[in-house]
N, C-alpha and C. Protein backbone atom coordinates (compact mmCIF):
# COMPACT_ATOMS: atom_id res chain seq x y z
N MET A 1 1.79 -23.27 10.40
CA MET A 1 1.40 -21.84 10.42
C MET A 1 2.32 -21.19 9.65
N GLU A 2 3.65 -21.64 9.49
CA GLU A 2 4.83 -20.75 8.76
C GLU A 2 4.51 -21.13 7.35
N ILE A 3 3.71 -22.22 6.77
CA ILE A 3 3.55 -22.45 5.63
C ILE A 3 2.72 -21.56 5.06
N LEU A 4 1.60 -21.34 5.64
CA LEU A 4 0.05 -20.36 5.49
C LEU A 4 0.78 -18.93 5.59
N ILE A 5 1.64 -18.47 5.91
CA ILE A 5 2.01 -17.25 6.13
C ILE A 5 3.06 -16.91 5.00
N SER A 6 3.96 -18.01 4.55
CA SER A 6 4.56 -17.93 3.32
C SER A 6 3.89 -17.76 2.31
N ILE A 7 2.62 -18.57 2.04
CA ILE A 7 2.02 -18.44 0.91
C ILE A 7 1.25 -17.09 0.88
N ILE A 8 0.81 -16.31 1.93
CA ILE A 8 0.43 -15.16 2.14
C ILE A 8 1.35 -14.05 1.45
N ILE A 9 2.62 -14.44 2.33
CA ILE A 9 3.88 -13.57 1.54
C ILE A 9 4.03 -13.45 0.17
N GLY A 10 4.00 -14.56 -0.36
CA GLY A 10 4.15 -14.93 -1.67
C GLY A 10 3.11 -14.35 -2.47
N VAL A 11 1.60 -14.37 -2.17
CA VAL A 11 0.74 -13.54 -2.70
C VAL A 11 0.70 -12.10 -2.75
N LEU A 12 1.23 -11.55 -1.44
CA LEU A 12 1.38 -10.15 -1.40
C LEU A 12 2.47 -9.37 -2.27
N PHE A 13 3.63 -10.42 -2.45
CA PHE A 13 4.55 -9.98 -3.32
C PHE A 13 4.23 -9.89 -4.66
N THR A 14 3.35 -10.91 -5.28
CA THR A 14 3.03 -11.14 -6.51
C THR A 14 2.20 -10.25 -6.95
N VAL A 15 1.03 -9.77 -6.14
CA VAL A 15 0.22 -8.88 -6.17
C VAL A 15 1.09 -7.37 -6.31
N GLY A 16 1.77 -7.14 -5.66
CA GLY A 16 2.41 -5.88 -5.40
C GLY A 16 3.49 -5.64 -6.74
N THR A 17 3.90 -6.79 -7.08
CA THR A 17 4.65 -6.55 -8.11
C THR A 17 4.14 -6.52 -9.81
N TYR A 18 2.93 -7.20 -9.53
CA TYR A 18 1.86 -6.90 -10.78
C TYR A 18 1.30 -5.57 -10.86
N MET A 19 0.95 -5.04 -9.60
CA MET A 19 0.40 -3.51 -9.49
C MET A 19 1.60 -2.53 -9.83
N LEU A 20 3.01 -2.96 -9.48
CA LEU A 20 3.88 -2.17 -10.16
C LEU A 20 4.18 -2.00 -11.46
N LEU A 21 3.46 -3.00 -12.38
CA LEU A 21 3.66 -2.60 -13.87
C LEU A 21 2.53 -2.37 -14.46
N MET A 22 1.51 -1.81 -13.46
CA MET A 22 0.17 -1.10 -14.14
C MET A 22 0.67 0.35 -14.75
N ARG A 23 -0.32 0.84 -15.56
CA ARG A 23 0.02 2.03 -15.89
C ARG A 23 -0.49 3.16 -15.21
N SER A 24 -1.53 3.03 -14.08
CA SER A 24 -1.90 3.82 -13.22
C SER A 24 -0.81 4.04 -12.20
N LEU A 25 -0.95 5.60 -11.87
CA LEU A 25 0.10 5.79 -10.82
C LEU A 25 -0.53 5.43 -9.39
N LEU A 26 -1.60 5.54 -9.37
CA LEU A 26 -2.40 5.23 -7.93
C LEU A 26 -2.11 3.74 -7.76
N ARG A 27 -2.10 2.97 -8.59
CA ARG A 27 -1.97 1.31 -8.68
C ARG A 27 -0.56 0.84 -8.03
N VAL A 28 0.55 1.97 -8.65
CA VAL A 28 1.92 1.77 -8.33
C VAL A 28 2.04 2.15 -6.95
N VAL A 29 1.26 3.00 -6.55
CA VAL A 29 1.49 3.29 -4.95
C VAL A 29 1.04 2.17 -3.90
N ILE A 30 -0.24 1.51 -4.60
CA ILE A 30 -0.90 0.56 -3.75
C ILE A 30 0.13 -0.59 -3.93
N GLY A 31 0.67 -1.09 -5.06
CA GLY A 31 1.63 -2.09 -5.27
C GLY A 31 2.86 -1.78 -4.36
N THR A 32 3.31 -0.70 -4.23
CA THR A 32 4.59 -0.64 -3.04
C THR A 32 3.84 -0.79 -1.44
N MET A 33 2.39 -0.47 -1.22
CA MET A 33 2.27 -0.63 -0.13
C MET A 33 1.97 -2.33 0.18
N PHE A 34 1.55 -2.84 -0.92
CA PHE A 34 1.61 -4.47 -0.93
C PHE A 34 2.92 -4.89 -0.52
N LEU A 35 3.98 -4.93 -1.34
CA LEU A 35 5.28 -5.06 -1.05
C LEU A 35 5.99 -4.78 0.25
N SER A 36 5.26 -3.53 0.70
CA SER A 36 5.81 -3.34 2.06
C SER A 36 5.21 -4.10 3.16
N HIS A 37 3.71 -4.46 2.95
CA HIS A 37 3.26 -5.47 3.81
C HIS A 37 3.96 -6.85 3.86
N GLY A 38 4.17 -7.46 2.61
CA GLY A 38 4.78 -8.60 2.31
C GLY A 38 6.12 -8.67 3.20
N ALA A 39 6.76 -7.74 2.89
CA ALA A 39 8.18 -7.67 3.78
C ALA A 39 8.06 -7.70 5.38
N HIS A 40 6.92 -6.86 5.74
CA HIS A 40 6.72 -6.99 7.02
C HIS A 40 6.57 -8.37 7.60
N LEU A 41 5.58 -8.91 6.86
CA LEU A 41 5.21 -10.58 7.45
C LEU A 41 6.57 -11.34 7.06
N LEU A 42 7.16 -11.10 6.24
CA LEU A 42 8.35 -11.97 5.84
C LEU A 42 9.40 -11.70 6.95
N LEU A 43 9.71 -10.84 7.32
CA LEU A 43 10.52 -10.27 8.73
C LEU A 43 10.03 -11.02 10.12
N LEU A 44 8.49 -10.99 10.18
CA LEU A 44 8.14 -11.69 11.39
C LEU A 44 8.28 -13.40 11.21
N THR A 45 8.16 -13.81 10.06
CA THR A 45 8.17 -15.17 9.67
C THR A 45 9.45 -15.91 9.80
N MET A 46 10.55 -14.89 9.52
CA MET A 46 11.75 -15.40 9.06
C MET A 46 12.08 -15.72 10.41
N ALA A 47 11.72 -14.65 12.00
CA ALA A 47 12.33 -14.73 13.24
C ALA A 47 11.75 -16.11 13.57
N GLY A 48 10.50 -16.70 13.21
CA GLY A 48 9.95 -17.70 13.62
C GLY A 48 8.87 -17.42 14.38
N LEU A 49 7.88 -18.07 14.29
CA LEU A 49 6.56 -17.67 14.70
C LEU A 49 6.48 -18.73 16.24
N GLN A 50 6.55 -18.30 17.28
CA GLN A 50 6.82 -19.08 18.63
C GLN A 50 5.86 -18.29 19.38
N ARG A 51 5.32 -19.24 20.58
CA ARG A 51 4.41 -18.69 21.61
C ARG A 51 5.11 -18.56 22.90
N GLY A 52 5.02 -17.44 23.36
CA GLY A 52 5.72 -17.35 24.92
C GLY A 52 5.21 -16.15 25.39
N GLY A 53 5.67 -16.14 26.88
CA GLY A 53 5.23 -15.02 27.64
C GLY A 53 6.13 -13.72 27.04
N PRO A 54 5.60 -12.73 27.51
CA PRO A 54 6.67 -11.31 27.17
C PRO A 54 7.80 -11.35 27.93
N PRO A 55 8.98 -10.67 27.39
CA PRO A 55 10.34 -10.74 27.82
C PRO A 55 10.41 -9.94 28.99
N LEU A 56 9.88 -9.98 30.25
CA LEU A 56 9.60 -9.33 31.25
C LEU A 56 10.22 -10.24 32.56
N LEU A 57 10.90 -9.56 33.42
CA LEU A 57 11.44 -10.29 34.68
C LEU A 57 10.29 -10.33 35.43
N GLY A 58 10.42 -11.35 36.17
CA GLY A 58 9.40 -11.39 37.26
C GLY A 58 8.51 -12.72 36.84
N PHE A 59 7.97 -12.57 35.86
CA PHE A 59 7.03 -13.65 35.19
C PHE A 59 7.64 -15.00 35.05
N ASP A 60 6.85 -16.16 35.70
CA ASP A 60 7.40 -17.34 35.39
C ASP A 60 6.77 -18.02 34.11
N ALA A 61 7.69 -18.09 32.77
CA ALA A 61 7.02 -18.82 31.81
C ALA A 61 8.10 -19.57 31.29
N GLU A 62 7.76 -20.55 30.56
CA GLU A 62 8.71 -21.52 29.86
C GLU A 62 9.34 -21.00 28.96
N ALA A 63 8.87 -20.23 28.00
CA ALA A 63 9.63 -19.56 26.95
C ALA A 63 9.16 -18.09 26.71
N TYR A 64 9.92 -17.44 26.22
CA TYR A 64 9.83 -16.06 26.00
C TYR A 64 9.77 -15.66 24.75
N ALA A 65 8.77 -14.78 24.17
CA ALA A 65 8.85 -14.33 22.92
C ALA A 65 10.14 -13.05 22.65
N ASP A 66 10.86 -13.31 21.38
CA ASP A 66 11.58 -12.53 21.07
C ASP A 66 11.22 -11.01 20.82
N PRO A 67 11.70 -10.09 21.41
CA PRO A 67 10.85 -8.84 21.08
C PRO A 67 11.79 -7.86 19.60
N LEU A 68 12.77 -8.48 19.32
CA LEU A 68 13.70 -7.70 18.35
C LEU A 68 12.86 -7.81 16.94
N PRO A 69 12.28 -8.93 16.67
CA PRO A 69 11.94 -8.88 15.27
C PRO A 69 10.54 -7.91 15.14
N GLN A 70 9.58 -7.88 16.39
CA GLN A 70 8.64 -7.36 16.58
C GLN A 70 9.05 -5.67 16.74
N ALA A 71 10.02 -5.43 17.20
CA ALA A 71 10.36 -3.94 17.23
C ALA A 71 11.28 -3.67 15.61
N MET A 72 11.71 -4.29 14.87
CA MET A 72 12.32 -4.36 13.80
C MET A 72 10.86 -3.90 12.60
N VAL A 73 9.69 -4.92 12.95
CA VAL A 73 8.63 -4.77 12.17
C VAL A 73 8.03 -3.51 12.23
N LEU A 74 8.17 -2.83 13.85
CA LEU A 74 7.25 -1.90 14.04
C LEU A 74 8.09 -0.56 13.48
N THR A 75 9.21 -0.64 13.38
CA THR A 75 10.07 0.49 12.84
C THR A 75 9.58 0.32 11.32
N ALA A 76 9.87 -0.49 10.73
CA ALA A 76 9.44 -0.64 9.22
C ALA A 76 8.07 -0.59 8.78
N ILE A 77 7.18 -0.56 9.71
CA ILE A 77 5.62 -0.08 9.49
C ILE A 77 5.98 1.53 9.67
N VAL A 78 6.25 2.19 10.46
CA VAL A 78 6.63 3.65 10.44
C VAL A 78 7.10 4.12 9.22
N ILE A 79 8.54 3.52 8.64
CA ILE A 79 8.98 3.97 7.73
C ILE A 79 8.20 3.54 6.61
N SER A 80 7.66 2.64 6.49
CA SER A 80 6.83 2.29 5.08
C SER A 80 5.42 3.38 4.91
N PHE A 81 5.06 3.60 6.30
CA PHE A 81 4.03 4.61 6.31
C PHE A 81 4.26 6.20 5.64
N GLY A 82 5.27 6.44 6.20
CA GLY A 82 6.13 7.65 5.79
C GLY A 82 6.45 7.74 4.26
N VAL A 83 6.98 6.63 3.79
CA VAL A 83 7.44 6.49 2.40
C VAL A 83 5.84 6.61 1.52
N THR A 84 5.18 5.87 2.10
CA THR A 84 3.69 5.76 1.27
C THR A 84 3.15 7.22 1.37
N SER A 85 3.09 8.01 2.19
CA SER A 85 2.52 9.19 2.34
C SER A 85 3.13 10.19 1.50
N LEU A 86 4.55 10.12 1.42
CA LEU A 86 5.47 10.88 0.27
C LEU A 86 4.96 10.73 -0.89
N ILE A 87 4.90 8.86 -1.45
CA ILE A 87 4.56 8.84 -2.71
C ILE A 87 3.20 9.37 -3.33
N LEU A 88 2.24 9.18 -2.07
CA LEU A 88 0.73 9.73 -2.31
C LEU A 88 0.95 11.33 -2.62
N VAL A 89 1.68 12.02 -1.85
CA VAL A 89 1.54 13.48 -2.05
C VAL A 89 2.27 13.79 -3.60
N LEU A 90 3.09 13.26 -3.79
CA LEU A 90 3.82 13.04 -4.96
C LEU A 90 3.00 12.89 -6.06
N ALA A 91 2.21 11.65 -6.06
CA ALA A 91 1.30 11.28 -7.04
C ALA A 91 0.21 12.22 -7.40
N TYR A 92 -0.22 12.89 -6.17
CA TYR A 92 -1.42 13.98 -6.29
C TYR A 92 -0.99 15.06 -6.91
N ARG A 93 0.23 15.71 -6.48
CA ARG A 93 0.77 16.75 -7.43
C ARG A 93 1.27 16.30 -8.91
N THR A 94 1.49 15.43 -9.17
CA THR A 94 1.58 14.95 -10.41
C THR A 94 0.30 15.04 -11.17
N TYR A 95 -0.70 14.49 -10.46
CA TYR A 95 -1.92 14.36 -11.07
C TYR A 95 -2.51 15.70 -11.45
N LYS A 96 -2.36 16.92 -10.50
CA LYS A 96 -2.85 18.14 -10.37
C LYS A 96 -1.95 19.10 -11.67
N VAL A 97 -0.88 18.43 -11.74
CA VAL A 97 -0.13 19.48 -12.87
C VAL A 97 -0.28 18.83 -13.99
N HIS A 98 -0.38 17.64 -14.26
CA HIS A 98 -0.43 16.94 -15.53
C HIS A 98 -1.71 16.64 -15.83
N LYS A 99 -2.77 16.77 -14.96
CA LYS A 99 -4.33 16.24 -15.32
C LYS A 99 -4.38 14.82 -15.88
N THR A 100 -3.40 13.85 -15.70
CA THR A 100 -3.43 12.40 -15.69
C THR A 100 -2.82 11.49 -14.84
N ASP A 101 -2.89 10.46 -14.78
CA ASP A 101 -2.25 9.35 -13.87
C ASP A 101 -1.76 8.39 -14.80
N ASP A 102 -1.90 8.29 -15.79
CA ASP A 102 -1.36 7.35 -16.85
C ASP A 102 0.29 7.50 -17.00
N LEU A 103 0.95 6.26 -16.73
CA LEU A 103 2.22 6.47 -16.91
C LEU A 103 2.86 6.56 -18.14
N ASN A 104 2.23 6.13 -19.06
CA ASN A 104 2.62 6.44 -20.64
C ASN A 104 2.50 7.68 -21.14
N GLN A 105 1.44 8.59 -20.71
CA GLN A 105 1.21 9.46 -21.06
C GLN A 105 2.38 10.72 -20.13
N LEU A 106 2.48 10.33 -19.01
CA LEU A 106 3.56 11.02 -18.16
C LEU A 106 4.85 10.78 -18.93
N ARG A 107 5.14 9.68 -19.45
CA ARG A 107 6.50 9.58 -20.16
C ARG A 107 6.53 9.97 -21.25
N GLY A 108 5.71 10.27 -22.03
CA GLY A 108 5.61 11.03 -23.76
C GLY A 108 5.36 10.21 -24.45
N SER A 109 4.93 8.93 -24.28
CA SER A 109 5.28 7.84 -25.42
C SER A 109 4.28 8.31 -26.51
N LYS A 110 4.69 7.55 -27.52
CA LYS A 110 3.65 7.85 -28.65
C LYS A 110 2.47 7.30 -28.83
N ASP A 111 2.03 6.54 -27.88
CA ASP A 111 0.57 5.78 -27.75
C ASP A 111 -0.50 6.89 -27.36
N GLU A 112 -0.28 8.07 -27.10
CA GLU A 112 -1.39 8.76 -26.68
C GLU A 112 -2.13 9.03 -27.67
């Protein structure tokens, strides 16, 4: 199972990096979303995918699941949601002011 998740993580990082190199500002935002989702899966996979009961006292279970990676990923999801919403607002404001989302035109290159 870890091999499959590792392949998915690699695909997410590859697609995210590719989209960061695009000219459209919206695709850059989507690329950062792919990178953050890949990082979330990476955190969970590094902790080890294990089955077990919830870490509560009173339940008789052979193994317990570690709650720390899940708490870290939950925190990372909330932070990436905030960062993504901030980037979307900045991209929308940039589009409203400059009437384009092409990064080469925003940079003022000679390809215009």
